[in-house]
Amino acid sequence: MTPTAPKPGPPAARERWFQPRRSGFRWEQEGLDHVRQLMPAAEPYRAWATFQFTGVTGRINECDLLIAVPGGVYLLELKGHPKICPHRLRSTAAAMA
């Protein structure tokens, strides 16, 4: 009897949210969690949160969120303010659609 090759299964689920570490700021992590909940679990959505990079001057910078959606690539800097800007939340959700 000749051994048969295994049948290929479905592709492994691709990670869409990359966050090497949780934010040290409660309000910032809450904002990241909110955006993550809004982000569809579908192609081509991808997000990278709380990562660092070195600038041309050698300075280490942190990015709160870099998100790629069908409408473009966005860099978000999250700030903790006591007031909510509802129109901005709606426009963010609309851009992700």
Protein backbone atom coordinates (compact mmCIF):
# COMPACT_ATOMS: atom_id res chain seq x y z
CA MET A 1 0.00 0.00 0.00
CA THR A 2 1.36 3.40 -1.00
CA PRO A 3 1.23 6.10 1.68
CA THR A 4 -0.84 9.09 0.68
CA ALA A 5 0.09 12.69 1.27
CA PRO A 6 -1.92 14.44 3.95
CA LYS A 7 -4.69 16.65 2.66
CA PRO A 8 -4.09 20.32 3.26
CA GLY A 9 -6.34 21.89 5.85
CA PRO A 10 -7.59 25.43 6.04
CA PRO A 11 -4.92 28.09 6.34
CA ALA A 12 -3.91 29.13 9.81
CA ALA A 13 -5.74 32.16 11.12
CA ARG A 14 -3.66 35.24 10.45
CA GLU A 15 -3.11 37.59 13.31
CA ARG A 16 -4.66 41.00 12.65
CA TRP A 17 -3.75 42.81 15.87
CA PHE A 18 -0.12 43.02 16.94
CA GLN A 19 0.62 44.46 20.36
CA PRO A 20 3.98 43.49 21.89
CA ARG A 21 3.00 44.89 25.29
CA ARG A 22 -0.01 46.45 26.98
CA SER A 23 0.05 50.20 27.40
CA GLY A 24 1.22 51.51 30.74
CA PHE A 25 -1.62 54.05 30.67
CA ARG A 26 -5.11 52.78 31.57
CA TRP A 27 -6.92 55.27 29.32
CA GLU A 28 -4.64 54.46 26.40
CA GLN A 29 -5.19 50.70 26.73
CA GLU A 30 -8.94 51.29 26.98
CA GLY A 31 -8.76 53.26 23.72
CA LEU A 32 -6.76 50.50 22.02
CA ASP A 33 -9.23 47.89 23.26
CA HIS A 34 -12.09 49.98 21.87
CA VAL A 35 -10.50 50.25 18.42
CA ARG A 36 -9.71 46.53 18.47
CA GLN A 37 -13.37 45.73 19.16
CA LEU A 38 -14.42 47.93 16.21
CA MET A 39 -11.93 46.31 13.83
CA PRO A 40 -13.49 43.61 11.62
CA ALA A 41 -11.92 40.14 11.75
CA ALA A 42 -11.50 40.09 7.99
CA GLU A 43 -8.95 40.83 5.30
CA PRO A 44 -7.23 43.27 4.80
CA TYR A 45 -7.50 44.83 8.29
CA ARG A 46 -4.26 44.95 10.32
CA ALA A 47 -3.14 46.95 13.35
CA TRP A 48 0.11 47.40 15.24
CA ALA A 49 -0.14 48.91 18.72
CA THR A 50 2.37 50.20 21.29
CA PHE A 51 5.51 49.61 19.28
CA GLN A 52 8.76 51.55 19.25
CA PHE A 53 10.98 52.65 16.41
CA THR A 54 14.21 54.58 16.11
CA GLY A 55 14.13 57.86 14.19
CA VAL A 56 16.90 59.10 11.90
CA THR A 57 18.34 61.12 14.79
CA GLY A 58 18.63 57.99 16.93
CA ARG A 59 15.73 59.00 19.17
CA ILE A 60 13.42 56.16 20.23
CA ASN A 61 9.78 56.93 19.49
CA GLU A 62 6.61 55.09 20.43
CA CYS A 63 3.59 54.66 18.21
CA ASP A 64 0.24 54.13 19.93
CA LEU A 65 -1.47 52.59 16.90
CA LEU A 66 -0.77 52.09 13.21
CA ILE A 67 -3.81 50.66 11.46
CA ALA A 68 -4.23 49.52 7.86
CA VAL A 69 -7.80 49.45 6.53
CA PRO A 70 -9.29 49.53 3.03
CA GLY A 71 -9.48 53.35 3.25
CA GLY A 72 -5.76 53.78 3.94
CA VAL A 73 -3.08 53.54 6.62
CA TYR A 74 -3.53 55.64 9.75
CA LEU A 75 -1.21 56.56 12.59
CA LEU A 76 -3.11 57.27 15.83
CA GLU A 77 -1.78 58.99 18.91
CA LEU A 78 -4.19 58.39 21.79
CA LYS A 79 -4.69 61.09 24.41
CA GLY A 80 -6.56 60.91 27.69
CA HIS A 81 -9.02 63.77 27.94
CA PRO A 82 -12.14 63.90 30.12
CA LYS A 83 -14.47 64.80 27.22
CA ILE A 84 -15.50 62.52 24.37
CA CYS A 85 -15.67 63.75 20.77
CA PRO A 86 -18.54 61.60 19.38
CA HIS A 87 -18.07 62.83 15.79
CA ARG A 88 -14.49 61.57 15.81
CA LEU A 89 -15.52 58.15 17.09
CA ARG A 90 -18.11 57.86 14.32
CA SER A 91 -15.63 58.95 11.64
CA THR A 92 -13.09 56.42 12.92
CA ALA A 93 -15.65 53.62 12.77
CA ALA A 94 -16.71 54.75 9.27
CA ALA A 95 -13.10 54.77 8.03
CA MET A 96 -12.69 51.18 9.20
CA ALA A 97 -15.75 50.01 7.25
